[in-house]
Amino acid sequence: MTIYQKELRRQLTERHPDASTAQVLDLLVEMGVVDVTRCKVLAVRCYVEQLVQQGCRKVDAMYDAADHFCCSYEYVRKCMYYYKDVNLI
């Protein structure tokens, strides 16, 4: 963890000591600190991977993700194959 990450953590904890993880995330998104596009890509990729692990074929999972996220299949495909710099946890 970098010094900047530690300082941000300290400041957020100090300013919002009772905030839940979800509230802190909402705050960071509102502040523009979190890259929303990367969050979308991560959400799509995790959703598709969960379906695949449950036995769904990858293409079917990607069509399901497009329906679930109300986006195009092309966007899901881009999330899966084009945005390679998003690390899955």
PDB file of N, CA and C in Angstrom:
ATOM      1  N   MET A   1       0.844  -1.169   0.000  1.00  0.00           N
ATOM      2  CA  MET A   1       0.000   0.000   0.000  1.00  0.00           C
ATOM      3  C   MET A   1       0.898   1.245   0.000  1.00  0.00           C
ATOM      4  N   THR A   2       0.561   2.201  -0.844  1.00  0.00           N
ATOM      5  CA  THR A   2       1.376   3.412  -0.948  1.00  0.00           C
ATOM      6  C   THR A   2       1.050   4.382   0.184  1.00  0.00           C
ATOM      7  N   ILE A   3       1.897   5.366   0.349  1.00  0.00           N
ATOM      8  CA  ILE A   3       1.689   6.399   1.365  1.00  0.00           C
ATOM      9  C   ILE A   3       0.401   7.167   1.079  1.00  0.00           C
ATOM     10  N   TYR A   4       0.071   7.337  -0.202  1.00  0.00           N
ATOM     11  CA  TYR A   4      -1.146   8.050  -0.578  1.00  0.00           C
ATOM     12  C   TYR A   4      -2.388   7.246  -0.197  1.00  0.00           C
ATOM     13  N   GLN A   5      -2.336   5.954  -0.418  1.00  0.00           N
ATOM     14  CA  GLN A   5      -3.459   5.094  -0.043  1.00  0.00           C
ATOM     15  C   GLN A   5      -3.654   5.097   1.469  1.00  0.00           C
ATOM     16  N   LYS A   6      -2.551   5.029   2.203  1.00  0.00           N
ATOM     17  CA  LYS A   6      -2.634   5.046   3.666  1.00  0.00           C
ATOM     18  C   LYS A   6      -3.226   6.367   4.164  1.00  0.00           C
ATOM     19  N   GLU A   7      -2.793   7.445   3.558  1.00  0.00           N
ATOM     20  CA  GLU A   7      -3.302   8.757   3.966  1.00  0.00           C
ATOM     21  C   GLU A   7      -4.777   8.906   3.632  1.00  0.00           C
ATOM     22  N   LEU A   8      -5.190   8.454   2.468  1.00  0.00           N
ATOM     23  CA  LEU A   8      -6.602   8.509   2.097  1.00  0.00           C
ATOM     24  C   LEU A   8      -7.430   7.676   3.075  1.00  0.00           C
ATOM     25  N   ARG A   9      -6.939   6.486   3.406  1.00  0.00           N
ATOM     26  CA  ARG A   9      -7.637   5.634   4.369  1.00  0.00           C
ATOM     27  C   ARG A   9      -7.774   6.350   5.720  1.00  0.00           C
ATOM     28  N   ARG A  10      -6.681   6.965   6.171  1.00  0.00           N
ATOM     29  CA  ARG A  10      -6.705   7.664   7.450  1.00  0.00           C
ATOM     30  C   ARG A  10      -7.711   8.811   7.447  1.00  0.00           C
ATOM     31  N   GLN A  11      -7.694   9.596   6.373  1.00  0.00           N
ATOM     32  CA  GLN A  11      -8.603  10.733   6.291  1.00  0.00           C
ATOM     33  C   GLN A  11     -10.065  10.289   6.236  1.00  0.00           C
ATOM     34  N   LEU A  12     -10.343   9.265   5.456  1.00  0.00           N
ATOM     35  CA  LEU A  12     -11.719   8.782   5.365  1.00  0.00           C
ATOM     36  C   LEU A  12     -12.204   8.215   6.693  1.00  0.00           C
ATOM     37  N   THR A  13     -11.333   7.480   7.369  1.00  0.00           N
ATOM     38  CA  THR A  13     -11.693   6.910   8.671  1.00  0.00           C
ATOM     39  C   THR A  13     -11.938   8.021   9.690  1.00  0.00           C
ATOM     40  N   GLU A  14     -11.112   9.046   9.619  1.00  0.00           N
ATOM     41  CA  GLU A  14     -11.251  10.174  10.544  1.00  0.00           C
ATOM     42  C   GLU A  14     -12.535  10.959  10.283  1.00  0.00           C
ATOM     43  N   ARG A  15     -12.826  11.208   9.036  1.00  0.00           N
ATOM     44  CA  ARG A  15     -14.003  12.020   8.680  1.00  0.00           C
ATOM     45  C   ARG A  15     -15.315  11.244   8.749  1.00  0.00           C
ATOM     46  N   HIS A  16     -15.252   9.951   8.482  1.00  0.00           N
ATOM     47  CA  HIS A  16     -16.468   9.126   8.447  1.00  0.00           C
ATOM     48  C   HIS A  16     -16.237   7.837   9.240  1.00  0.00           C
ATOM     49  N   PRO A  17     -16.070   7.953  10.554  1.00  0.00           N
ATOM     50  CA  PRO A  17     -15.698   6.775  11.354  1.00  0.00           C
ATOM     51  C   PRO A  17     -16.760   5.673  11.393  1.00  0.00           C
ATOM     52  N   ASP A  18     -18.010   6.023  11.228  1.00  0.00           N
ATOM     53  CA  ASP A  18     -19.079   5.027  11.317  1.00  0.00           C
ATOM     54  C   ASP A  18     -19.599   4.577   9.947  1.00  0.00           C
ATOM     55  N   ALA A  19     -18.936   5.001   8.893  1.00  0.00           N
ATOM     56  CA  ALA A  19     -19.398   4.685   7.538  1.00  0.00           C
ATOM     57  C   ALA A  19     -19.120   3.217   7.203  1.00  0.00           C
ATOM     58  N   SER A  20     -20.083   2.599   6.535  1.00  0.00           N
ATOM     59  CA  SER A  20     -19.899   1.223   6.069  1.00  0.00           C
ATOM     60  C   SER A  20     -19.043   1.233   4.807  1.00  0.00           C
ATOM     61  N   THR A  21     -18.639   0.067   4.396  1.00  0.00           N
ATOM     62  CA  THR A  21     -17.847  -0.045   3.167  1.00  0.00           C
ATOM     63  C   THR A  21     -18.630   0.518   1.982  1.00  0.00           C
ATOM     64  N   ALA A  22     -19.911   0.193   1.912  1.00  0.00           N
ATOM     65  CA  ALA A  22     -20.747   0.687   0.810  1.00  0.00           C
ATOM     66  C   ALA A  22     -20.838   2.212   0.830  1.00  0.00           C
ATOM     67  N   GLN A  23     -20.959   2.790   2.012  1.00  0.00           N
ATOM     68  CA  GLN A  23     -21.040   4.246   2.116  1.00  0.00           C
ATOM     69  C   GLN A  23     -19.724   4.903   1.707  1.00  0.00           C
ATOM     70  N   VAL A  24     -18.620   4.320   2.106  1.00  0.00           N
ATOM     71  CA  VAL A  24     -17.310   4.859   1.729  1.00  0.00           C
ATOM     72  C   VAL A  24     -17.133   4.772   0.212  1.00  0.00           C
ATOM     73  N   LEU A  25     -17.541   3.647  -0.373  1.00  0.00           N
ATOM     74  CA  LEU A  25     -17.442   3.516  -1.827  1.00  0.00           C
ATOM     75  C   LEU A  25     -18.298   4.560  -2.527  1.00  0.00           C
ATOM     76  N   ASP A  26     -19.528   4.757  -2.059  1.00  0.00           N
ATOM     77  CA  ASP A  26     -20.397   5.787  -2.642  1.00  0.00           C
ATOM     78  C   ASP A  26     -19.754   7.161  -2.551  1.00  0.00           C
ATOM     79  N   LEU A  27     -19.147   7.445  -1.408  1.00  0.00           N
ATOM     80  CA  LEU A  27     -18.479   8.727  -1.211  1.00  0.00           C
ATOM     81  C   LEU A  27     -17.324   8.903  -2.199  1.00  0.00           C
ATOM     82  N   LEU A  28     -16.508   7.870  -2.362  1.00  0.00           N
ATOM     83  CA  LEU A  28     -15.377   7.949  -3.284  1.00  0.00           C
ATOM     84  C   LEU A  28     -15.829   8.115  -4.730  1.00  0.00           C
ATOM     85  N   VAL A  29     -16.912   7.448  -5.096  1.00  0.00           N
ATOM     86  CA  VAL A  29     -17.450   7.600  -6.452  1.00  0.00           C
ATOM     87  C   VAL A  29     -17.951   9.022  -6.654  1.00  0.00           C
ATOM     88  N   GLU A  30     -18.685   9.548  -5.673  1.00  0.00           N
ATOM     89  CA  GLU A  30     -19.189  10.924  -5.761  1.00  0.00           C
ATOM     90  C   GLU A  30     -18.050  11.930  -5.875  1.00  0.00           C
ATOM     91  N   MET A  31     -16.946  11.670  -5.175  1.00  0.00           N
ATOM     92  CA  MET A  31     -15.791  12.569  -5.221  1.00  0.00           C
ATOM     93  C   MET A  31     -15.033  12.457  -6.545  1.00  0.00           C
ATOM     94  N   GLY A  32     -15.293  11.423  -7.307  1.00  0.00           N
ATOM     95  CA  GLY A  32     -14.588  11.219  -8.568  1.00  0.00           C
ATOM     96  C   GLY A  32     -13.257  10.517  -8.403  1.00  0.00           C
ATOM     97  N   VAL A  33     -13.022   9.938  -7.238  1.00  0.00           N
ATOM     98  CA  VAL A  33     -11.761   9.253  -6.974  1.00  0.00           C
ATOM     99  C   VAL A  33     -11.729   7.876  -7.622  1.00  0.00           C
ATOM    100  N   VAL A  34     -12.888   7.249  -7.702  1.00  0.00           N
ATOM    101  CA  VAL A  34     -12.984   5.898  -8.254  1.00  0.00           C
ATOM    102  C   VAL A  34     -13.332   5.994  -9.736  1.00  0.00           C
ATOM    103  N   ASP A  35     -12.642   5.234 -10.546  1.00  0.00           N
ATOM    104  CA  ASP A  35     -12.895   5.196 -11.980  1.00  0.00           C
ATOM    105  C   ASP A  35     -14.131   4.336 -12.240  1.00  0.00           C
ATOM    106  N   VAL A  36     -15.242   4.986 -12.544  1.00  0.00           N
ATOM    107  CA  VAL A  36     -16.522   4.294 -12.714  1.00  0.00           C
ATOM    108  C   VAL A  36     -16.478   3.333 -13.901  1.00  0.00           C
ATOM    109  N   THR A  37     -15.770   3.691 -14.947  1.00  0.00           N
ATOM    110  CA  THR A  37     -15.673   2.802 -16.107  1.00  0.00           C
ATOM    111  C   THR A  37     -15.006   1.487 -15.722  1.00  0.00           C
ATOM    112  N   ARG A  38     -13.946   1.561 -14.963  1.00  0.00           N
ATOM    113  CA  ARG A  38     -13.265   0.336 -14.518  1.00  0.00           C
ATOM    114  C   ARG A  38     -14.161  -0.480 -13.604  1.00  0.00           C
ATOM    115  N   CYS A  39     -14.964   0.195 -12.794  1.00  0.00           N
ATOM    116  CA  CYS A  39     -15.918  -0.515 -11.929  1.00  0.00           C
ATOM    117  C   CYS A  39     -16.961  -1.261 -12.762  1.00  0.00           C
ATOM    118  N   LYS A  40     -17.438  -0.629 -13.824  1.00  0.00           N
ATOM    119  CA  LYS A  40     -18.410  -1.281 -14.704  1.00  0.00           C
ATOM    120  C   LYS A  40     -17.800  -2.523 -15.350  1.00  0.00           C
ATOM    121  N   VAL A  41     -16.592  -2.367 -15.843  1.00  0.00           N
ATOM    122  CA  VAL A  41     -15.904  -3.484 -16.495  1.00  0.00           C
ATOM    123  C   VAL A  41     -15.716  -4.628 -15.504  1.00  0.00           C
ATOM    124  N   LEU A  42     -15.286  -4.307 -14.312  1.00  0.00           N
ATOM    125  CA  LEU A  42     -15.083  -5.327 -13.289  1.00  0.00           C
ATOM    126  C   LEU A  42     -16.390  -6.030 -12.940  1.00  0.00           C
ATOM    127  N   ALA A  43     -17.475  -5.262 -12.815  1.00  0.00           N
ATOM    128  CA  ALA A  43     -18.774  -5.849 -12.489  1.00  0.00           C
ATOM    129  C   ALA A  43     -19.231  -6.816 -13.585  1.00  0.00           C
ATOM    130  N   VAL A  44     -19.065  -6.418 -14.831  1.00  0.00           N
ATOM    131  CA  VAL A  44     -19.465  -7.275 -15.956  1.00  0.00           C
ATOM    132  C   VAL A  44     -18.628  -8.548 -15.976  1.00  0.00           C
ATOM    133  N   ARG A  45     -17.320  -8.384 -15.832  1.00  0.00           N
ATOM    134  CA  ARG A  45     -16.440  -9.564 -15.883  1.00  0.00           C
ATOM    135  C   ARG A  45     -16.724 -10.530 -14.733  1.00  0.00           C
ATOM    136  N   CYS A  46     -16.940 -10.008 -13.545  1.00  0.00           N
ATOM    137  CA  CYS A  46     -17.254 -10.874 -12.400  1.00  0.00           C
ATOM    138  C   CYS A  46     -18.574 -11.600 -12.605  1.00  0.00           C
ATOM    139  N   TYR A  47     -19.565 -10.886 -13.139  1.00  0.00           N
ATOM    140  CA  TYR A  47     -20.876 -11.491 -13.386  1.00  0.00           C
ATOM    141  C   TYR A  47     -20.756 -12.637 -14.389  1.00  0.00           C
ATOM    142  N   VAL A  48     -20.049 -12.398 -15.470  1.00  0.00           N
ATOM    143  CA  VAL A  48     -19.877 -13.436 -16.496  1.00  0.00           C
ATOM    144  C   VAL A  48     -19.121 -14.630 -15.910  1.00  0.00           C
ATOM    145  N   GLU A  49     -18.062 -14.367 -15.178  1.00  0.00           N
ATOM    146  CA  GLU A  49     -17.278 -15.460 -14.594  1.00  0.00           C
ATOM    147  C   GLU A  49     -18.098 -16.283 -13.611  1.00  0.00           C
ATOM    148  N   GLN A  50     -18.971 -15.643 -12.848  1.00  0.00           N
ATOM    149  CA  GLN A  50     -19.838 -16.376 -11.921  1.00  0.00           C
ATOM    150  C   GLN A  50     -20.765 -17.320 -12.685  1.00  0.00           C
ATOM    151  N   LEU A  51     -21.346 -16.829 -13.768  1.00  0.00           N
ATOM    152  CA  LEU A  51     -22.235 -17.670 -14.571  1.00  0.00           C
ATOM    153  C   LEU A  51     -21.484 -18.843 -15.186  1.00  0.00           C
ATOM    154  N   VAL A  52     -20.275 -18.584 -15.650  1.00  0.00           N
ATOM    155  CA  VAL A  52     -19.455 -19.647 -16.247  1.00  0.00           C
ATOM    156  C   VAL A  52     -19.123 -20.702 -15.189  1.00  0.00           C
ATOM    157  N   GLN A  53     -18.798 -20.265 -13.989  1.00  0.00           N
ATOM    158  CA  GLN A  53     -18.494 -21.207 -12.911  1.00  0.00           C
ATOM    159  C   GLN A  53     -19.714 -22.035 -12.519  1.00  0.00           C
ATOM    160  N   GLN A  54     -20.900 -21.503 -12.769  1.00  0.00           N
ATOM    161  CA  GLN A  54     -22.134 -22.233 -12.474  1.00  0.00           C
ATOM    162  C   GLN A  54     -22.504 -23.190 -13.610  1.00  0.00           C
ATOM    163  N   GLY A  55     -21.695 -23.207 -14.661  1.00  0.00           N
ATOM    164  CA  GLY A  55     -21.913 -24.145 -15.744  1.00  0.00           C
ATOM    165  C   GLY A  55     -22.477 -23.565 -17.025  1.00  0.00           C
ATOM    166  N   CYS A  56     -22.674 -22.268 -17.055  1.00  0.00           N
ATOM    167  CA  CYS A  56     -23.198 -21.613 -18.250  1.00  0.00           C
ATOM    168  C   CYS A  56     -22.063 -21.474 -19.276  1.00  0.00           C
ATOM    169  N   ARG A  57     -22.401 -21.625 -20.554  1.00  0.00           N
ATOM    170  CA  ARG A  57     -21.401 -21.385 -21.597  1.00  0.00           C
ATOM    171  C   ARG A  57     -21.052 -19.903 -21.610  1.00  0.00           C
ATOM    172  N   LYS A  58     -19.802 -19.584 -21.940  1.00  0.00           N
ATOM    173  CA  LYS A  58     -19.329 -18.212 -21.846  1.00  0.00           C
ATOM    174  C   LYS A  58     -20.128 -17.248 -22.730  1.00  0.00           C
ATOM    175  N   VAL A  59     -20.419 -17.649 -23.940  1.00  0.00           N
ATOM    176  CA  VAL A  59     -21.175 -16.772 -24.847  1.00  0.00           C
ATOM    177  C   VAL A  59     -22.568 -16.524 -24.285  1.00  0.00           C
ATOM    178  N   ASP A  60     -23.204 -17.576 -23.765  1.00  0.00           N
ATOM    179  CA  ASP A  60     -24.526 -17.407 -23.164  1.00  0.00           C
ATOM    180  C   ASP A  60     -24.454 -16.503 -21.939  1.00  0.00           C
ATOM    181  N   ALA A  61     -23.400 -16.664 -21.150  1.00  0.00           N
ATOM    182  CA  ALA A  61     -23.212 -15.816 -19.969  1.00  0.00           C
ATOM    183  C   ALA A  61     -23.031 -14.361 -20.386  1.00  0.00           C
ATOM    184  N   MET A  62     -22.343 -14.140 -21.478  1.00  0.00           N
ATOM    185  CA  MET A  62     -22.129 -12.778 -21.949  1.00  0.00           C
ATOM    186  C   MET A  62     -23.432 -12.160 -22.446  1.00  0.00           C
ATOM    187  N   TYR A  63     -24.267 -12.942 -23.131  1.00  0.00           N
ATOM    188  CA  TYR A  63     -25.588 -12.438 -23.547  1.00  0.00           C
ATOM    189  C   TYR A  63     -26.442 -12.136 -22.321  1.00  0.00           C
ATOM    190  N   ASP A  64     -26.373 -13.018 -21.314  1.00  0.00           N
ATOM    191  CA  ASP A  64     -27.115 -12.800 -20.076  1.00  0.00           C
ATOM    192  C   ASP A  64     -26.636 -11.520 -19.391  1.00  0.00           C
ATOM    193  N   ALA A  65     -25.337 -11.284 -19.385  1.00  0.00           N
ATOM    194  CA  ALA A  65     -24.780 -10.072 -18.780  1.00  0.00           C
ATOM    195  C   ALA A  65     -25.272  -8.825 -19.506  1.00  0.00           C
ATOM    196  N   ALA A  66     -25.331  -8.882 -20.816  1.00  0.00           N
ATOM    197  CA  ALA A  66     -25.839  -7.741 -21.589  1.00  0.00           C
ATOM    198  C   ALA A  66     -27.270  -7.423 -21.179  1.00  0.00           C
ATOM    199  N   ASP A  67     -28.062  -8.461 -20.996  1.00  0.00           N
ATOM    200  CA  ASP A  67     -29.446  -8.279 -20.562  1.00  0.00           C
ATOM    201  C   ASP A  67     -29.489  -7.744 -19.128  1.00  0.00           C
ATOM    202  N   HIS A  68     -28.686  -8.332 -18.258  1.00  0.00           N
ATOM    203  CA  HIS A  68     -28.665  -7.955 -16.841  1.00  0.00           C
ATOM    204  C   HIS A  68     -28.248  -6.497 -16.640  1.00  0.00           C
ATOM    205  N   PHE A  69     -27.232  -6.056 -17.358  1.00  0.00           N
ATOM    206  CA  PHE A  69     -26.712  -4.700 -17.202  1.00  0.00           C
ATOM    207  C   PHE A  69     -27.340  -3.700 -18.182  1.00  0.00           C
ATOM    208  N   CYS A  70     -28.298  -4.166 -18.971  1.00  0.00           N
ATOM    209  CA  CYS A  70     -28.988  -3.296 -19.944  1.00  0.00           C
ATOM    210  C   CYS A  70     -27.990  -2.595 -20.868  1.00  0.00           C
ATOM    211  N   CYS A  71     -27.105  -3.390 -21.427  1.00  0.00           N
ATOM    212  CA  CYS A  71     -26.120  -2.858 -22.355  1.00  0.00           C
ATOM    213  C   CYS A  71     -26.045  -3.801 -23.560  1.00  0.00           C
ATOM    214  N   SER A  72     -25.227  -3.474 -24.499  1.00  0.00           N
ATOM    215  CA  SER A  72     -25.106  -4.296 -25.693  1.00  0.00           C
ATOM    216  C   SER A  72     -24.163  -5.478 -25.450  1.00  0.00           C
ATOM    217  N   TYR A  73     -24.352  -6.519 -26.231  1.00  0.00           N
ATOM    218  CA  TYR A  73     -23.435  -7.657 -26.179  1.00  0.00           C
ATOM    219  C   TYR A  73     -22.036  -7.183 -26.551  1.00  0.00           C
ATOM    220  N   GLU A  74     -21.950  -6.235 -27.456  1.00  0.00           N
ATOM    221  CA  GLU A  74     -20.653  -5.706 -27.890  1.00  0.00           C
ATOM    222  C   GLU A  74     -19.906  -5.058 -26.720  1.00  0.00           C
ATOM    223  N   TYR A  75     -20.636  -4.355 -25.845  1.00  0.00           N
ATOM    224  CA  TYR A  75     -20.000  -3.751 -24.676  1.00  0.00           C
ATOM    225  C   TYR A  75     -19.469  -4.834 -23.736  1.00  0.00           C
ATOM    226  N   VAL A  76     -20.261  -5.888 -23.522  1.00  0.00           N
ATOM    227  CA  VAL A  76     -19.825  -6.991 -22.668  1.00  0.00           C
ATOM    228  C   VAL A  76     -18.590  -7.649 -23.273  1.00  0.00           C
ATOM    229  N   ARG A  77     -18.607  -7.863 -24.571  1.00  0.00           N
ATOM    230  CA  ARG A  77     -17.455  -8.462 -25.241  1.00  0.00           C
ATOM    231  C   ARG A  77     -16.212  -7.592 -25.051  1.00  0.00           C
ATOM    232  N   LYS A  78     -16.396  -6.284 -25.157  1.00  0.00           N
ATOM    233  CA  LYS A  78     -15.278  -5.358 -24.953  1.00  0.00           C
ATOM    234  C   LYS A  78     -14.765  -5.464 -23.512  1.00  0.00           C
ATOM    235  N   CYS A  79     -15.673  -5.583 -22.557  1.00  0.00           N
ATOM    236  CA  CYS A  79     -15.274  -5.733 -21.147  1.00  0.00           C
ATOM    237  C   CYS A  79     -14.470  -7.010 -20.943  1.00  0.00           C
ATOM    238  N   MET A  80     -14.855  -8.058 -21.626  1.00  0.00           N
ATOM    239  CA  MET A  80     -14.210  -9.356 -21.428  1.00  0.00           C
ATOM    240  C   MET A  80     -12.863  -9.460 -22.141  1.00  0.00           C
ATOM    241  N   TYR A  81     -12.756  -8.868 -23.309  1.00  0.00           N
ATOM    242  CA  TYR A  81     -11.570  -9.098 -24.132  1.00  0.00           C
ATOM    243  C   TYR A  81     -10.699  -7.869 -24.378  1.00  0.00           C
ATOM    244  N   TYR A  82     -11.286  -6.680 -24.321  1.00  0.00           N
ATOM    245  CA  TYR A  82     -10.520  -5.488 -24.657  1.00  0.00           C
ATOM    246  C   TYR A  82      -9.866  -4.859 -23.426  1.00  0.00           C
ATOM    247  N   TYR A  83     -10.634  -4.723 -22.362  1.00  0.00           N
ATOM    248  CA  TYR A  83     -10.116  -4.099 -21.143  1.00  0.00           C
ATOM    249  C   TYR A  83      -9.365  -5.137 -20.317  1.00  0.00           C
ATOM    250  N   LYS A  84      -8.117  -5.363 -20.647  1.00  0.00           N
ATOM    251  CA  LYS A  84      -7.315  -6.390 -19.966  1.00  0.00           C
ATOM    252  C   LYS A  84      -6.619  -5.852 -18.721  1.00  0.00           C
ATOM    253  N   ASP A  85      -6.605  -4.544 -18.537  1.00  0.00           N
ATOM    254  CA  ASP A  85      -5.878  -3.980 -17.401  1.00  0.00           C
ATOM    255  C   ASP A  85      -6.690  -3.952 -16.101  1.00  0.00           C
ATOM    256  N   VAL A  86      -7.931  -4.453 -16.142  1.00  0.00           N
ATOM    257  CA  VAL A  86      -8.754  -4.511 -14.937  1.00  0.00           C
ATOM    258  C   VAL A  86      -8.475  -5.836 -14.246  1.00  0.00           C
ATOM    259  N   ASN A  87      -7.938  -5.764 -13.050  1.00  0.00           N
ATOM    260  CA  ASN A  87      -7.599  -6.978 -12.313  1.00  0.00           C
ATOM    261  C   ASN A  87      -8.802  -7.486 -11.542  1.00  0.00           C
ATOM    262  N   LEU A  88      -9.093  -8.756 -11.732  1.00  0.00           N
ATOM    263  CA  LEU A  88     -10.171  -9.360 -10.973  1.00  0.00           C
ATOM    264  C   LEU A  88      -9.648  -9.810  -9.638  1.00  0.00           C
ATOM    265  N   ILE A  89     -10.461  -9.661  -8.645  1.00  0.00           N
ATOM    266  CA  ILE A  89     -10.050 -10.060  -7.296  1.00  0.00           C
ATOM    267  C   ILE A  89     -10.344 -11.529  -7.092  1.00  0.00           C
TER     268      ILE A  89
END
